[in-house]
Amino acid sequence: MADNTEKDPSEWVSGDDPMTGAQASYLKTLSEQSHQPDPTESQLTKAQASELIDKLRAEAGLDK
């Protein structure tokens, strides 16, 4: 049986919608912790925000 609990952000139906408030808040926190520019200044989509969250978490050594 295939695991469908996690879908690639590029396949999200709503992936082109603007990032959510929760995503923006978490990205701001992660960027502050990693001393990187605040990515919430740009108009990210939900999918882009999700991918950036994964990238920043990986760089910070946080588990997924």
PDB file of N, CA and C in Angstrom:
ATOM      1  N   MET A   1       0.840  -1.174   0.000  1.00  0.00           N
ATOM      2  CA  MET A   1       0.000   0.000   0.000  1.00  0.00           C
ATOM      3  C   MET A   1       0.889   1.242   0.000  1.00  0.00           C
ATOM      4  N   ALA A   2       0.595   2.177  -0.870  1.00  0.00           N
ATOM      5  CA  ALA A   2       1.394   3.395  -0.990  1.00  0.00           C
ATOM      6  C   ALA A   2       1.129   4.340   0.172  1.00  0.00           C
ATOM      7  N   ASP A   3       2.158   5.034   0.594  1.00  0.00           N
ATOM      8  CA  ASP A   3       2.033   6.016   1.663  1.00  0.00           C
ATOM      9  C   ASP A   3       1.647   7.351   1.028  1.00  0.00           C
ATOM     10  N   ASN A   4       0.432   7.805   1.287  1.00  0.00           N
ATOM     11  CA  ASN A   4      -0.021   9.066   0.713  1.00  0.00           C
ATOM     12  C   ASN A   4      -0.214  10.145   1.766  1.00  0.00           C
ATOM     13  N   THR A   5       0.452   9.983   2.906  1.00  0.00           N
ATOM     14  CA  THR A   5       0.303  10.969   3.969  1.00  0.00           C
ATOM     15  C   THR A   5       1.110  12.222   3.706  1.00  0.00           C
ATOM     16  N   GLU A   6       2.098  12.133   2.814  1.00  0.00           N
ATOM     17  CA  GLU A   6       2.917  13.293   2.499  1.00  0.00           C
ATOM     18  C   GLU A   6       3.001  13.426   0.981  1.00  0.00           C
ATOM     19  N   LYS A   7       2.523  14.548   0.479  1.00  0.00           N
ATOM     20  CA  LYS A   7       2.487  14.779  -0.956  1.00  0.00           C
ATOM     21  C   LYS A   7       3.506  15.861  -1.300  1.00  0.00           C
ATOM     22  N   ASP A   8       4.160  15.694  -2.430  1.00  0.00           N
ATOM     23  CA  ASP A   8       5.115  16.690  -2.905  1.00  0.00           C
ATOM     24  C   ASP A   8       4.387  18.023  -3.094  1.00  0.00           C
ATOM     25  N   PRO A   9       4.935  19.118  -2.556  1.00  0.00           N
ATOM     26  CA  PRO A   9       4.274  20.420  -2.682  1.00  0.00           C
ATOM     27  C   PRO A   9       3.954  20.813  -4.125  1.00  0.00           C
ATOM     28  N   SER A  10       4.741  20.357  -5.078  1.00  0.00           N
ATOM     29  CA  SER A  10       4.476  20.695  -6.474  1.00  0.00           C
ATOM     30  C   SER A  10       3.184  20.052  -6.980  1.00  0.00           C
ATOM     31  N   GLU A  11       2.680  19.056  -6.251  1.00  0.00           N
ATOM     32  CA  GLU A  11       1.454  18.363  -6.637  1.00  0.00           C
ATOM     33  C   GLU A  11       0.225  18.848  -5.870  1.00  0.00           C
ATOM     34  N   TRP A  12       0.395  19.811  -4.965  1.00  0.00           N
ATOM     35  CA  TRP A  12      -0.725  20.319  -4.186  1.00  0.00           C
ATOM     36  C   TRP A  12      -1.703  21.053  -5.075  1.00  0.00           C
ATOM     37  N   VAL A  13      -2.984  20.833  -4.879  1.00  0.00           N
ATOM     38  CA  VAL A  13      -4.021  21.552  -5.615  1.00  0.00           C
ATOM     39  C   VAL A  13      -3.955  23.033  -5.274  1.00  0.00           C
ATOM     40  N   SER A  14      -3.702  23.352  -4.020  1.00  0.00           N
ATOM     41  CA  SER A  14      -3.662  24.746  -3.576  1.00  0.00           C
ATOM     42  C   SER A  14      -2.228  25.273  -3.467  1.00  0.00           C
ATOM     43  N   GLY A  15      -1.279  24.600  -4.090  1.00  0.00           N
ATOM     44  CA  GLY A  15       0.125  24.977  -3.975  1.00  0.00           C
ATOM     45  C   GLY A  15       0.452  26.360  -4.508  1.00  0.00           C
ATOM     46  N   ASP A  16      -0.362  26.867  -5.437  1.00  0.00           N
ATOM     47  CA  ASP A  16      -0.122  28.193  -5.995  1.00  0.00           C
ATOM     48  C   ASP A  16      -0.779  29.307  -5.190  1.00  0.00           C
ATOM     49  N   ASP A  17      -1.543  28.946  -4.159  1.00  0.00           N
ATOM     50  CA  ASP A  17      -2.152  29.953  -3.288  1.00  0.00           C
ATOM     51  C   ASP A  17      -1.058  30.625  -2.468  1.00  0.00           C
ATOM     52  N   PRO A  18      -1.303  31.839  -1.981  1.00  0.00           N
ATOM     53  CA  PRO A  18      -0.310  32.501  -1.120  1.00  0.00           C
ATOM     54  C   PRO A  18      -0.046  31.685   0.143  1.00  0.00           C
ATOM     55  N   MET A  19       1.180  31.793   0.657  1.00  0.00           N
ATOM     56  CA  MET A  19       1.515  31.058   1.885  1.00  0.00           C
ATOM     57  C   MET A  19       0.554  31.458   2.999  1.00  0.00           C
ATOM     58  N   THR A  20       0.368  30.545   3.921  1.00  0.00           N
ATOM     59  CA  THR A  20      -0.534  30.782   5.042  1.00  0.00           C
ATOM     60  C   THR A  20       0.163  31.631   6.108  1.00  0.00           C
ATOM     61  N   GLY A  21      -0.616  32.155   7.007  1.00  0.00           N
ATOM     62  CA  GLY A  21      -0.056  32.906   8.121  1.00  0.00           C
ATOM     63  C   GLY A  21       0.850  32.054   8.985  1.00  0.00           C
ATOM     64  N   ALA A  22       0.468  30.785   9.162  1.00  0.00           N
ATOM     65  CA  ALA A  22       1.288  29.870   9.965  1.00  0.00           C
ATOM     66  C   ALA A  22       2.634  29.619   9.288  1.00  0.00           C
ATOM     67  N   GLN A  23       2.614  29.459   7.968  1.00  0.00           N
ATOM     68  CA  GLN A  23       3.866  29.256   7.240  1.00  0.00           C
ATOM     69  C   GLN A  23       4.756  30.491   7.364  1.00  0.00           C
ATOM     70  N   ALA A  24       4.172  31.668   7.199  1.00  0.00           N
ATOM     71  CA  ALA A  24       4.943  32.909   7.284  1.00  0.00           C
ATOM     72  C   ALA A  24       5.574  33.059   8.660  1.00  0.00           C
ATOM     73  N   SER A  25       4.810  32.771   9.687  1.00  0.00           N
ATOM     74  CA  SER A  25       5.316  32.878  11.053  1.00  0.00           C
ATOM     75  C   SER A  25       6.465  31.914  11.294  1.00  0.00           C
ATOM     76  N   TYR A  26       6.307  30.666  10.847  1.00  0.00           N
ATOM     77  CA  TYR A  26       7.342  29.661  11.053  1.00  0.00           C
ATOM     78  C   TYR A  26       8.595  30.004  10.242  1.00  0.00           C
ATOM     79  N   LEU A  27       8.413  30.477   9.009  1.00  0.00           N
ATOM     80  CA  LEU A  27       9.563  30.881   8.200  1.00  0.00           C
ATOM     81  C   LEU A  27      10.324  32.021   8.854  1.00  0.00           C
ATOM     82  N   LYS A  28       9.599  32.964   9.419  1.00  0.00           N
ATOM     83  CA  LYS A  28      10.245  34.094  10.099  1.00  0.00           C
ATOM     84  C   LYS A  28      11.078  33.584  11.273  1.00  0.00           C
ATOM     85  N   THR A  29      10.510  32.676  12.049  1.00  0.00           N
ATOM     86  CA  THR A  29      11.229  32.103  13.189  1.00  0.00           C
ATOM     87  C   THR A  29      12.474  31.348  12.732  1.00  0.00           C
ATOM     88  N   LEU A  30      12.322  30.483  11.726  1.00  0.00           N
ATOM     89  CA  LEU A  30      13.466  29.716  11.231  1.00  0.00           C
ATOM     90  C   LEU A  30      14.552  30.626  10.671  1.00  0.00           C
ATOM     91  N   SER A  31      14.170  31.667   9.948  1.00  0.00           N
ATOM     92  CA  SER A  31      15.169  32.562   9.370  1.00  0.00           C
ATOM     93  C   SER A  31      15.905  33.341  10.461  1.00  0.00           C
ATOM     94  N   GLU A  32      15.198  33.737  11.502  1.00  0.00           N
ATOM     95  CA  GLU A  32      15.843  34.431  12.622  1.00  0.00           C
ATOM     96  C   GLU A  32      16.842  33.505  13.310  1.00  0.00           C
ATOM     97  N   GLN A  33      16.446  32.257  13.525  1.00  0.00           N
ATOM     98  CA  GLN A  33      17.316  31.298  14.197  1.00  0.00           C
ATOM     99  C   GLN A  33      18.559  30.975  13.375  1.00  0.00           C
ATOM    100  N   SER A  34      18.421  31.021  12.052  1.00  0.00           N
ATOM    101  CA  SER A  34      19.554  30.687  11.188  1.00  0.00           C
ATOM    102  C   SER A  34      20.282  31.926  10.670  1.00  0.00           C
ATOM    103  N   HIS A  35      19.897  33.097  11.194  1.00  0.00           N
ATOM    104  CA  HIS A  35      20.541  34.367  10.829  1.00  0.00           C
ATOM    105  C   HIS A  35      20.513  34.607   9.319  1.00  0.00           C
ATOM    106  N   GLN A  36      19.354  34.323   8.715  1.00  0.00           N
ATOM    107  CA  GLN A  36      19.171  34.543   7.292  1.00  0.00           C
ATOM    108  C   GLN A  36      18.103  35.611   7.094  1.00  0.00           C
ATOM    109  N   PRO A  37      18.084  36.232   5.906  1.00  0.00           N
ATOM    110  CA  PRO A  37      17.070  37.259   5.651  1.00  0.00           C
ATOM    111  C   PRO A  37      15.655  36.696   5.783  1.00  0.00           C
ATOM    112  N   ASP A  38      14.739  37.555   6.178  1.00  0.00           N
ATOM    113  CA  ASP A  38      13.344  37.173   6.348  1.00  0.00           C
ATOM    114  C   ASP A  38      12.724  36.885   4.978  1.00  0.00           C
ATOM    115  N   PRO A  39      12.375  35.617   4.697  1.00  0.00           N
ATOM    116  CA  PRO A  39      11.811  35.279   3.392  1.00  0.00           C
ATOM    117  C   PRO A  39      10.354  35.684   3.240  1.00  0.00           C
ATOM    118  N   THR A  40       9.724  36.127   4.319  1.00  0.00           N
ATOM    119  CA  THR A  40       8.307  36.467   4.237  1.00  0.00           C
ATOM    120  C   THR A  40       8.086  37.802   3.547  1.00  0.00           C
ATOM    121  N   GLU A  41       9.163  38.531   3.259  1.00  0.00           N
ATOM    122  CA  GLU A  41       9.050  39.788   2.529  1.00  0.00           C
ATOM    123  C   GLU A  41       8.633  39.536   1.081  1.00  0.00           C
ATOM    124  N   SER A  42       8.944  38.358   0.552  1.00  0.00           N
ATOM    125  CA  SER A  42       8.571  38.025  -0.823  1.00  0.00           C
ATOM    126  C   SER A  42       7.218  37.315  -0.825  1.00  0.00           C
ATOM    127  N   GLN A  43       6.596  37.323  -1.959  1.00  0.00           N
ATOM    128  CA  GLN A  43       5.278  36.706  -2.109  1.00  0.00           C
ATOM    129  C   GLN A  43       5.429  35.230  -2.465  1.00  0.00           C
ATOM    130  N   LEU A  44       5.598  34.396  -1.455  1.00  0.00           N
ATOM    131  CA  LEU A  44       5.759  32.961  -1.675  1.00  0.00           C
ATOM    132  C   LEU A  44       4.400  32.275  -1.785  1.00  0.00           C
ATOM    133  N   THR A  45       4.368  31.200  -2.550  1.00  0.00           N
ATOM    134  CA  THR A  45       3.172  30.362  -2.594  1.00  0.00           C
ATOM    135  C   THR A  45       3.246  29.364  -1.440  1.00  0.00           C
ATOM    136  N   LYS A  46       2.146  28.668  -1.212  1.00  0.00           N
ATOM    137  CA  LYS A  46       2.140  27.626  -0.178  1.00  0.00           C
ATOM    138  C   LYS A  46       3.215  26.584  -0.455  1.00  0.00           C
ATOM    139  N   ALA A  47       3.324  26.181  -1.719  1.00  0.00           N
ATOM    140  CA  ALA A  47       4.304  25.150  -2.076  1.00  0.00           C
ATOM    141  C   ALA A  47       5.724  25.660  -1.872  1.00  0.00           C
ATOM    142  N   GLN A  48       6.007  26.887  -2.304  1.00  0.00           N
ATOM    143  CA  GLN A  48       7.350  27.456  -2.130  1.00  0.00           C
ATOM    144  C   GLN A  48       7.690  27.591  -0.652  1.00  0.00           C
ATOM    145  N   ALA A  49       6.726  28.043   0.150  1.00  0.00           N
ATOM    146  CA  ALA A  49       6.953  28.200   1.584  1.00  0.00           C
ATOM    147  C   ALA A  49       7.251  26.846   2.228  1.00  0.00           C
ATOM    148  N   SER A  50       6.504  25.826   1.844  1.00  0.00           N
ATOM    149  CA  SER A  50       6.721  24.490   2.397  1.00  0.00           C
ATOM    150  C   SER A  50       8.119  23.985   2.063  1.00  0.00           C
ATOM    151  N   GLU A  51       8.527  24.171   0.820  1.00  0.00           N
ATOM    152  CA  GLU A  51       9.860  23.717   0.411  1.00  0.00           C
ATOM    153  C   GLU A  51      10.955  24.490   1.140  1.00  0.00           C
ATOM    154  N   LEU A  52      10.746  25.778   1.343  1.00  0.00           N
ATOM    155  CA  LEU A  52      11.733  26.588   2.063  1.00  0.00           C
ATOM    156  C   LEU A  52      11.795  26.187   3.539  1.00  0.00           C
ATOM    157  N   ILE A  53      10.657  25.890   4.117  1.00  0.00           N
ATOM    158  CA  ILE A  53      10.635  25.412   5.509  1.00  0.00           C
ATOM    159  C   ILE A  53      11.451  24.126   5.624  1.00  0.00           C
ATOM    160  N   ASP A  54      11.234  23.195   4.706  1.00  0.00           N
ATOM    161  CA  ASP A  54      11.994  21.941   4.720  1.00  0.00           C
ATOM    162  C   ASP A  54      13.490  22.211   4.593  1.00  0.00           C
ATOM    163  N   LYS A  55      13.861  23.119   3.704  1.00  0.00           N
ATOM    164  CA  LYS A  55      15.275  23.445   3.483  1.00  0.00           C
ATOM    165  C   LYS A  55      15.903  24.059   4.741  1.00  0.00           C
ATOM    166  N   LEU A  56      15.218  25.041   5.335  1.00  0.00           N
ATOM    167  CA  LEU A  56      15.762  25.693   6.532  1.00  0.00           C
ATOM    168  C   LEU A  56      15.832  24.716   7.702  1.00  0.00           C
ATOM    169  N   ARG A  57      14.840  23.836   7.835  1.00  0.00           N
ATOM    170  CA  ARG A  57      14.886  22.835   8.896  1.00  0.00           C
ATOM    171  C   ARG A  57      16.058  21.882   8.703  1.00  0.00           C
ATOM    172  N   ALA A  58      16.295  21.474   7.460  1.00  0.00           N
ATOM    173  CA  ALA A  58      17.420  20.571   7.175  1.00  0.00           C
ATOM    174  C   ALA A  58      18.745  21.261   7.480  1.00  0.00           C
ATOM    175  N   GLU A  59      18.866  22.521   7.097  1.00  0.00           N
ATOM    176  CA  GLU A  59      20.101  23.262   7.358  1.00  0.00           C
ATOM    177  C   GLU A  59      20.337  23.445   8.854  1.00  0.00           C
ATOM    178  N   ALA A  60      19.244  23.542   9.607  1.00  0.00           N
ATOM    179  CA  ALA A  60      19.354  23.723  11.050  1.00  0.00           C
ATOM    180  C   ALA A  60      19.515  22.401  11.788  1.00  0.00           C
ATOM    181  N   GLY A  61      19.404  21.288  11.047  1.00  0.00           N
ATOM    182  CA  GLY A  61      19.541  19.970  11.671  1.00  0.00           C
ATOM    183  C   GLY A  61      18.317  19.535  12.450  1.00  0.00           C
ATOM    184  N   LEU A  62      17.169  20.113  12.120  1.00  0.00           N
ATOM    185  CA  LEU A  62      15.929  19.739  12.805  1.00  0.00           C
ATOM    186  C   LEU A  62      15.294  18.554  12.095  1.00  0.00           C
ATOM    187  N   ASP A  63      14.722  17.660  12.864  1.00  0.00           N
ATOM    188  CA  ASP A  63      14.042  16.515  12.266  1.00  0.00           C
ATOM    189  C   ASP A  63      12.801  16.990  11.560  1.00  0.00           C
ATOM    190  N   LYS A  64      12.420  16.252  10.551  1.00  0.00           N
ATOM    191  CA  LYS A  64      11.218  16.558   9.779  1.00  0.00           C
ATOM    192  C   LYS A  64       9.977  16.208  10.505  1.00  0.00           C
TER     193      LYS A  64
END
